[in-house]
C-alpha atoms as a PDB file:
ATOM      1  CA  MET A   1       0.131   0.237  -0.073  1.00  0.00           C
ATOM      2  CA  GLY A   2       1.355   3.399  -0.994  1.00  0.00           C
ATOM      3  CA  SER A   3       1.937   6.417   1.370  1.00  0.00           C
ATOM      4  CA  ARG A   4       0.487   8.983  -0.934  1.00  0.00           C
ATOM      5  CA  GLN A   5      -1.342  11.653   0.725  1.00  0.00           C
ATOM      6  CA  TYR A   6      -4.669  12.700  -1.057  1.00  0.00           C
ATOM      7  CA  SER A   7      -6.387  16.319  -0.499  1.00  0.00           C
ATOM      8  CA  PRO A   8      -9.917  16.234   0.615  1.00  0.00           C
ATOM      9  CA  ILE A   9     -11.099  17.046  -3.003  1.00  0.00           C
ATOM     10  CA  ASP A  10      -9.310  14.182  -4.274  1.00  0.00           C
ATOM     11  CA  GLN A  11     -10.856  11.839  -1.506  1.00  0.00           C
ATOM     12  CA  ILE A  12     -14.123  13.424  -2.492  1.00  0.00           C
ATOM     13  CA  LEU A  13     -13.725  12.277  -6.286  1.00  0.00           C
ATOM     14  CA  ILE A  14     -11.904   8.888  -5.425  1.00  0.00           C
ATOM     15  CA  ASN A  15     -14.927   8.229  -3.071  1.00  0.00           C
ATOM     16  CA  ALA A  16     -17.428   9.199  -5.928  1.00  0.00           C
ATOM     17  CA  ASP A  17     -15.767   6.973  -8.592  1.00  0.00           C
ATOM     18  CA  SER A  18     -15.907   4.060  -6.212  1.00  0.00           C
ATOM     19  CA  ALA A  19     -19.737   4.406  -5.503  1.00  0.00           C
ATOM     20  CA  LEU A  20     -20.228   4.820  -9.235  1.00  0.00           C
ATOM     21  CA  ALA A  21     -18.361   1.706  -9.867  1.00  0.00           C
ATOM     22  CA  THR A  22     -19.708  -0.467  -7.296  1.00  0.00           C
ATOM     23  CA  LEU A  23     -23.406   0.310  -8.028  1.00  0.00           C
ATOM     24  CA  PHE A  24     -23.282   0.826 -11.919  1.00  0.00           C
ATOM     25  CA  GLY A  25     -20.150  -0.619 -13.077  1.00  0.00           C
ATOM     26  CA  GLU A  26     -18.194  -3.866 -13.184  1.00  0.00           C
ATOM     27  CA  PRO A  27     -16.531  -4.917  -9.849  1.00  0.00           C
ATOM     28  CA  ARG A  28     -13.109  -4.296 -10.086  1.00  0.00           C
ATOM     29  CA  GLY A  29     -11.278  -6.664  -7.725  1.00  0.00           C
ATOM     30  CA  THR A  30      -7.809  -7.533  -6.931  1.00  0.00           C
ATOM     31  CA  GLY A  31      -7.357 -10.431  -9.381  1.00  0.00           C
ATOM     32  CA  ARG A  32      -7.729 -12.811  -6.989  1.00  0.00           C
ATOM     33  CA  PRO A  33      -9.418 -15.900  -8.771  1.00  0.00           C
ATOM     34  CA  ILE A  34     -13.038 -16.810  -7.867  1.00  0.00           C
ATOM     35  CA  PRO A  35     -12.939 -19.816  -5.238  1.00  0.00           C
ATOM     36  CA  LYS A  36     -13.322 -22.901  -6.724  1.00  0.00           C
ATOM     37  CA  ALA A  37     -15.191 -25.715  -5.330  1.00  0.00           C
ATOM     38  CA  LYS A  38     -13.486 -29.075  -4.498  1.00  0.00           C
ATOM     39  CA  THR A  39     -16.450 -30.726  -6.265  1.00  0.00           C
ATOM     40  CA  GLN A  40     -18.430 -29.822  -8.762  1.00  0.00           C
ATOM     41  CA  THR A  41     -21.713 -28.327  -8.597  1.00  0.00           C
ATOM     42  CA  GLU A  42     -24.671 -30.714  -9.348  1.00  0.00           C
ATOM     43  CA  GLN A  43     -27.569 -29.719 -11.564  1.00  0.00           C
ATOM     44  CA  LEU A  44     -29.601 -27.414  -9.426  1.00  0.00           C
ATOM     45  CA  SER A  45     -33.857 -27.661  -9.391  1.00  0.00           C
ATOM     46  CA  GLU A  46     -35.291 -24.842 -10.219  1.00  0.00           C
ATOM     47  CA  SER A  47     -36.486 -24.346  -6.016  1.00  0.00           C
ATOM     48  CA  GLU A  48     -32.533 -24.698  -5.500  1.00  0.00           C
ATOM     49  CA  ARG A  49     -31.570 -22.352  -7.997  1.00  0.00           C
ATOM     50  CA  ARG A  50     -34.093 -19.437  -6.923  1.00  0.00           C
ATOM     51  CA  GLN A  51     -32.743 -20.308  -3.210  1.00  0.00           C
ATOM     52  CA  SER A  52     -29.151 -19.901  -4.331  1.00  0.00           C
ATOM     53  CA  GLU A  53     -29.998 -16.579  -6.146  1.00  0.00           C
ATOM     54  CA  SER A  54     -31.636 -14.930  -3.087  1.00  0.00           C
ATOM     55  CA  LEU A  55     -28.773 -15.725  -1.032  1.00  0.00           C
ATOM     56  CA  MET A  56     -26.121 -14.662  -3.427  1.00  0.00           C
ATOM     57  CA  ARG A  57     -28.010 -11.418  -3.819  1.00  0.00           C
ATOM     58  CA  VAL A  58     -28.090 -10.827  -0.380  1.00  0.00           C
ATOM     59  CA  ASN A  59     -24.489 -11.376  -0.194  1.00  0.00           C
ATOM     60  CA  HIS A  60     -23.818  -9.258  -3.230  1.00  0.00           C
ATOM     61  CA  VAL A  61     -25.783  -6.515  -0.961  1.00  0.00           C
ATOM     62  CA  GLY A  62     -23.793  -7.023   2.198  1.00  0.00           C
ATOM     63  CA  GLU A  63     -20.360  -6.205  -0.078  1.00  0.00           C
ATOM     64  CA  VAL A  64     -22.048  -3.001  -1.505  1.00  0.00           C
ATOM     65  CA  CYS A  65     -22.649  -2.168   2.065  1.00  0.00           C
ATOM     66  CA  ALA A  66     -18.899  -2.780   2.793  1.00  0.00           C
ATOM     67  CA  GLN A  67     -17.523  -0.756   0.124  1.00  0.00           C
ATOM     68  CA  ALA A  68     -19.597   1.813   1.323  1.00  0.00           C
ATOM     69  CA  LEU A  69     -18.605   1.326   5.023  1.00  0.00           C
ATOM     70  CA  TYR A  70     -15.211   0.982   4.429  1.00  0.00           C
ATOM     71  CA  HIS A  71     -14.498   3.861   2.158  1.00  0.00           C
ATOM     72  CA  ALA A  72     -16.305   5.912   4.331  1.00  0.00           C
ATOM     73  CA  GLN A  73     -14.708   4.957   7.382  1.00  0.00           C
ATOM     74  CA  GLY A  74     -11.425   5.528   5.811  1.00  0.00           C
ATOM     75  CA  PHE A  75     -12.500   8.741   4.340  1.00  0.00           C
ATOM     76  CA  SER A  76     -13.663  10.109   7.667  1.00  0.00           C
ATOM     77  CA  SER A  77     -10.710   8.560   9.689  1.00  0.00           C
ATOM     78  CA  GLN A  78      -8.161  11.463  10.925  1.00  0.00           C
ATOM     79  CA  ASP A  79      -5.613   8.586  11.705  1.00  0.00           C
ATOM     80  CA  ASN A  80      -3.505   7.492   8.644  1.00  0.00           C
ATOM     81  CA  GLN A  81      -2.760   3.796   9.788  1.00  0.00           C
ATOM     82  CA  THR A  82      -6.578   3.148  10.259  1.00  0.00           C
ATOM     83  CA  ARG A  83      -7.274   4.812   6.969  1.00  0.00           C
ATOM     84  CA  GLN A  84      -4.676   2.090   5.331  1.00  0.00           C
ATOM     85  CA  HIS A  85      -6.580  -0.784   7.392  1.00  0.00           C
ATOM     86  CA  MET A  86      -9.756   0.708   5.791  1.00  0.00           C
ATOM     87  CA  GLN A  87      -8.404   0.638   2.437  1.00  0.00           C
ATOM     88  CA  GLN A  88      -7.192  -2.602   2.356  1.00  0.00           C
ATOM     89  CA  ALA A  89     -10.466  -4.169   3.557  1.00  0.00           C
ATOM     90  CA  ALA A  90     -12.113  -2.637   1.002  1.00  0.00           C
ATOM     91  CA  GLU A  91      -9.725  -3.620  -1.338  1.00  0.00           C
ATOM     92  CA  GLU A  92     -10.211  -7.234  -0.311  1.00  0.00           C
ATOM     93  CA  GLU A  93     -14.166  -6.769  -0.228  1.00  0.00           C
ATOM     94  CA  SER A  94     -14.232  -5.715  -3.747  1.00  0.00           C
ATOM     95  CA  ASP A  95     -13.077  -9.194  -4.382  1.00  0.00           C
ATOM     96  CA  HIS A  96     -16.147 -10.564  -2.625  1.00  0.00           C
ATOM     97  CA  LEU A  97     -18.270  -8.024  -4.693  1.00  0.00           C
ATOM     98  CA  LEU A  98     -17.189  -9.328  -7.853  1.00  0.00           C
ATOM     99  CA  TRP A  99     -17.100 -13.213  -6.716  1.00  0.00           C
ATOM    100  CA  CYS A 100     -21.077 -12.572  -5.859  1.00  0.00           C
ATOM    101  CA  ASP A 101     -21.738 -10.740  -9.168  1.00  0.00           C
ATOM    102  CA  GLU A 102     -20.239 -13.364 -11.231  1.00  0.00           C
ATOM    103  CA  ARG A 103     -21.984 -16.094  -9.196  1.00  0.00           C
ATOM    104  CA  LEU A 104     -25.344 -14.056  -9.549  1.00  0.00           C
ATOM    105  CA  LYS A 105     -25.114 -14.174 -13.301  1.00  0.00           C
ATOM    106  CA  GLN A 106     -24.188 -18.027 -13.671  1.00  0.00           C
ATOM    107  CA  LEU A 107     -27.422 -18.298 -11.213  1.00  0.00           C
ATOM    108  CA  GLY A 108     -29.302 -16.427 -13.700  1.00  0.00           C
ATOM    109  CA  GLY A 109     -30.162 -13.874 -11.009  1.00  0.00           C
ATOM    110  CA  ARG A 110     -30.273 -10.098 -10.441  1.00  0.00           C
ATOM    111  CA  LYS A 111     -28.959  -7.644  -8.057  1.00  0.00           C
ATOM    112  CA  SER A 112     -31.138  -5.905  -5.287  1.00  0.00           C
ATOM    113  CA  TYR A 113     -33.028  -3.024  -6.947  1.00  0.00           C
ATOM    114  CA  LEU A 114     -32.091  -0.980  -3.457  1.00  0.00           C
ATOM    115  CA  ASN A 115     -28.286  -1.253  -3.874  1.00  0.00           C
ATOM    116  CA  PRO A 116     -28.096   2.542  -4.311  1.00  0.00           C
ATOM    117  CA  VAL A 117     -30.433   2.933  -0.645  1.00  0.00           C
ATOM    118  CA  TRP A 118     -27.892   0.316   0.795  1.00  0.00           C
ATOM    119  CA  TYR A 119     -24.833   1.975  -0.266  1.00  0.00           C
ATOM    120  CA  GLY A 120     -25.847   5.765   0.779  1.00  0.00           C
ATOM    121  CA  GLY A 121     -27.156   4.150   4.507  1.00  0.00           C
ATOM    122  CA  SER A 122     -23.755   2.310   4.924  1.00  0.00           C
ATOM    123  CA  PHE A 123     -21.811   5.587   3.795  1.00  0.00           C
ATOM    124  CA  LEU A 124     -23.518   7.605   6.278  1.00  0.00           C
ATOM    125  CA  LEU A 125     -22.827   4.944   8.963  1.00  0.00           C
ATOM    126  CA  GLY A 126     -19.418   4.829   7.977  1.00  0.00           C
ATOM    127  CA  THR A 127     -18.594   8.350   8.121  1.00  0.00           C
ATOM    128  CA  ALA A 128     -19.937   8.606  11.775  1.00  0.00           C
ATOM    129  CA  ALA A 129     -17.761   5.669  12.795  1.00  0.00           C
ATOM    130  CA  GLY A 130     -15.116   7.578  11.545  1.00  0.00           C
ATOM    131  CA  LEU A 131     -15.673  10.895  13.001  1.00  0.00           C
ATOM    132  CA  ALA A 132     -15.969   9.006  16.342  1.00  0.00           C
ATOM    133  CA  GLY A 133     -12.380   8.439  16.660  1.00  0.00           C
ATOM    134  CA  ASN A 134      -9.758   5.840  16.074  1.00  0.00           C
ATOM    135  CA  ARG A 135     -10.643   3.001  18.565  1.00  0.00           C
ATOM    136  CA  TRP A 136     -14.276   3.288  17.777  1.00  0.00           C
ATOM    137  CA  ASN A 137     -13.838   3.360  14.500  1.00  0.00           C
ATOM    138  CA  LEU A 138     -11.860  -0.016  14.411  1.00  0.00           C
ATOM    139  CA  GLY A 139     -14.392  -1.325  17.066  1.00  0.00           C
ATOM    140  CA  PHE A 140     -17.314  -0.562  14.359  1.00  0.00           C
ATOM    141  CA  LEU A 141     -14.968  -2.349  11.857  1.00  0.00           C
ATOM    142  CA  ALA A 142     -14.598  -5.427  14.235  1.00  0.00           C
ATOM    143  CA  GLU A 143     -18.240  -5.586  15.162  1.00  0.00           C
ATOM    144  CA  THR A 144     -19.014  -5.375  11.709  1.00  0.00           C
ATOM    145  CA  GLU A 145     -17.029  -8.261  10.133  1.00  0.00           C
ATOM    146  CA  ARG A 146     -18.109 -10.698  13.371  1.00  0.00           C
ATOM    147  CA  GLN A 147     -21.763 -10.203  12.745  1.00  0.00           C
ATOM    148  CA  VAL A 148     -20.868 -10.916   8.739  1.00  0.00           C
ATOM    149  CA  VAL A 149     -19.341 -14.081   9.967  1.00  0.00           C
ATOM    150  CA  LYS A 150     -22.624 -14.947  11.834  1.00  0.00           C
ATOM    151  CA  HIS A 151     -24.491 -14.220   8.800  1.00  0.00           C
ATOM    152  CA  LEU A 152     -22.069 -16.104   6.370  1.00  0.00           C
ATOM    153  CA  ASP A 153     -22.246 -19.199   8.772  1.00  0.00           C
ATOM    154  CA  GLN A 154     -26.070 -19.384   8.350  1.00  0.00           C
ATOM    155  CA  HIS A 155     -25.689 -19.257   4.679  1.00  0.00           C
ATOM    156  CA  LEU A 156     -23.570 -22.078   4.948  1.00  0.00           C
ATOM    157  CA  GLY A 157     -26.439 -23.566   6.468  1.00  0.00           C
ATOM    158  CA  ASP A 158     -29.079 -22.593   4.187  1.00  0.00           C
ATOM    159  CA  LEU A 159     -27.682 -23.024   0.651  1.00  0.00           C
ATOM    160  CA  PRO A 160     -28.240 -26.107  -1.235  1.00  0.00           C
ATOM    161  CA  THR A 161     -25.834 -28.943  -0.302  1.00  0.00           C
ATOM    162  CA  ASN A 162     -25.083 -29.633  -4.180  1.00  0.00           C
ATOM    163  CA  ASP A 163     -24.108 -25.978  -5.130  1.00  0.00           C
ATOM    164  CA  ALA A 164     -20.705 -26.255  -4.304  1.00  0.00           C
ATOM    165  CA  SER A 165     -19.943 -23.319  -6.319  1.00  0.00           C
ATOM    166  CA  SER A 166     -21.459 -20.536  -4.102  1.00  0.00           C
ATOM    167  CA  ARG A 167     -20.508 -22.537  -0.973  1.00  0.00           C
ATOM    168  CA  ALA A 168     -16.948 -22.102  -2.095  1.00  0.00           C
ATOM    169  CA  ILE A 169     -17.146 -18.262  -2.559  1.00  0.00           C
ATOM    170  CA  VAL A 170     -19.113 -18.027   0.868  1.00  0.00           C
ATOM    171  CA  GLU A 171     -16.481 -20.226   2.921  1.00  0.00           C
ATOM    172  CA  GLN A 172     -13.646 -17.823   1.560  1.00  0.00           C
ATOM    173  CA  MET A 173     -15.819 -14.762   2.290  1.00  0.00           C
ATOM    174  CA  ARG A 174     -16.119 -15.897   5.642  1.00  0.00           C
ATOM    175  CA  GLU A 175     -12.175 -16.673   6.117  1.00  0.00           C
ATOM    176  CA  ASP A 176     -11.421 -12.938   5.082  1.00  0.00           C
ATOM    177  CA  GLU A 177     -14.209 -11.457   7.079  1.00  0.00           C
ATOM    178  CA  ALA A 178     -12.506 -13.055   9.975  1.00  0.00           C
ATOM    179  CA  GLN A 179      -9.008 -11.843   9.664  1.00  0.00           C
ATOM    180  CA  HIS A 180     -10.371  -8.298   8.842  1.00  0.00           C
ATOM    181  CA  ALA A 181     -12.065  -8.400  12.454  1.00  0.00           C
ATOM    182  CA  ALA A 182      -8.787  -9.795  14.067  1.00  0.00           C
ATOM    183  CA  MET A 183      -6.898  -7.200  11.842  1.00  0.00           C
ATOM    184  CA  ALA A 184      -9.230  -4.389  13.818  1.00  0.00           C
ATOM    185  CA  VAL A 185      -8.976  -5.924  17.184  1.00  0.00           C
ATOM    186  CA  ASP A 186      -5.299  -5.865  16.816  1.00  0.00           C
ATOM    187  CA  ALA A 187      -4.946  -2.476  15.852  1.00  0.00           C
ATOM    188  CA  GLY A 188      -6.580  -1.352  19.163  1.00  0.00           C
ATOM    189  CA  ALA A 189     -10.352  -1.332  18.231  1.00  0.00           C
ATOM    190  CA  ALA A 190     -12.756  -0.551  21.115  1.00  0.00           C
ATOM    191  CA  GLU A 191     -15.777  -3.100  22.376  1.00  0.00           C
ATOM    192  CA  LEU A 192     -18.524  -1.493  21.135  1.00  0.00           C
ATOM    193  CA  PRO A 193     -21.614  -1.076  23.663  1.00  0.00           C
ATOM    194  CA  GLY A 194     -24.493  -3.622  23.611  1.00  0.00           C
ATOM    195  CA  PRO A 195     -26.961  -1.422  22.430  1.00  0.00           C
ATOM    196  CA  ILE A 196     -25.031  -0.057  19.488  1.00  0.00           C
ATOM    197  CA  LYS A 197     -24.266  -3.986  18.675  1.00  0.00           C
ATOM    198  CA  SER A 198     -28.400  -4.665  18.642  1.00  0.00           C
ATOM    199  CA  VAL A 199     -29.011  -1.676  16.497  1.00  0.00           C
ATOM    200  CA  MET A 200     -26.105  -3.091  14.061  1.00  0.00           C
ATOM    201  CA  SER A 201     -28.017  -6.414  14.350  1.00  0.00           C
ATOM    202  CA  PHE A 202     -31.323  -4.775  13.642  1.00  0.00           C
ATOM    203  CA  ALA A 203     -30.229  -2.860  10.809  1.00  0.00           C
ATOM    204  CA  SER A 204     -28.556  -5.996   8.892  1.00  0.00           C
ATOM    205  CA  LYS A 205     -31.549  -8.108   9.474  1.00  0.00           C
ATOM    206  CA  LEU A 206     -33.584  -5.633   8.072  1.00  0.00           C
ATOM    207  CA  MET A 207     -31.278  -5.560   4.604  1.00  0.00           C
ATOM    208  CA  THR A 208     -30.774  -9.164   4.245  1.00  0.00           C
ATOM    209  CA  ARG A 209     -34.447  -9.857   4.784  1.00  0.00           C
ATOM    210  CA  THR A 210     -35.399  -7.251   2.336  1.00  0.00           C
ATOM    211  CA  ALA A 211     -32.769  -8.049  -0.312  1.00  0.00           C
ATOM    212  CA  HIS A 212     -33.967 -11.501  -0.219  1.00  0.00           C
ATOM    213  CA  TRP A 213     -36.796 -10.545  -2.260  1.00  0.00           C
ATOM    214  CA  ILE A 214     -36.183  -7.035  -3.769  1.00  0.00           C
END
């Protein structure tokens, strides 16, 4: 990661470009290949295909939110090292966005119609976290990733057992998310108060249940 310092105008333009690419362009990714299943995905029934499609759409929305959160947290952070942590997390999450996008296409599915809403709301939350101070910013990152890991664990249980392709993607995403949480803790993340965790969990459930269908 480079140490170049960007002006506020540069950062605004970078974030605007990221938002447009996330919502309306092709996901960029870092070049990591899509995780491959150890066994080939068997023919999915129509109900299984719809189930996988809905779950991968929810995961795609989660990655849209992750792009907004981490870019906003980096933008509003006053600490250069924390800003770099957020940049690294956003870059790795861009792989997840690409993988979910590709798998959705393979399943004949579509993205959530509400992605701009999810992105905008997440960007506001990320900005607030960054303005709260370094330890709370990192704490928000750690708690977000812990909740995402639980969410992905549930999806691994809900995906059709013969959809090896989707499961391989979700498993790698889960591993990356756990590493992001550990990175934030090692960097000095504060433990968020219980009420804030509950609000985050409620917002996450609202997003996932809505994105399952819309």
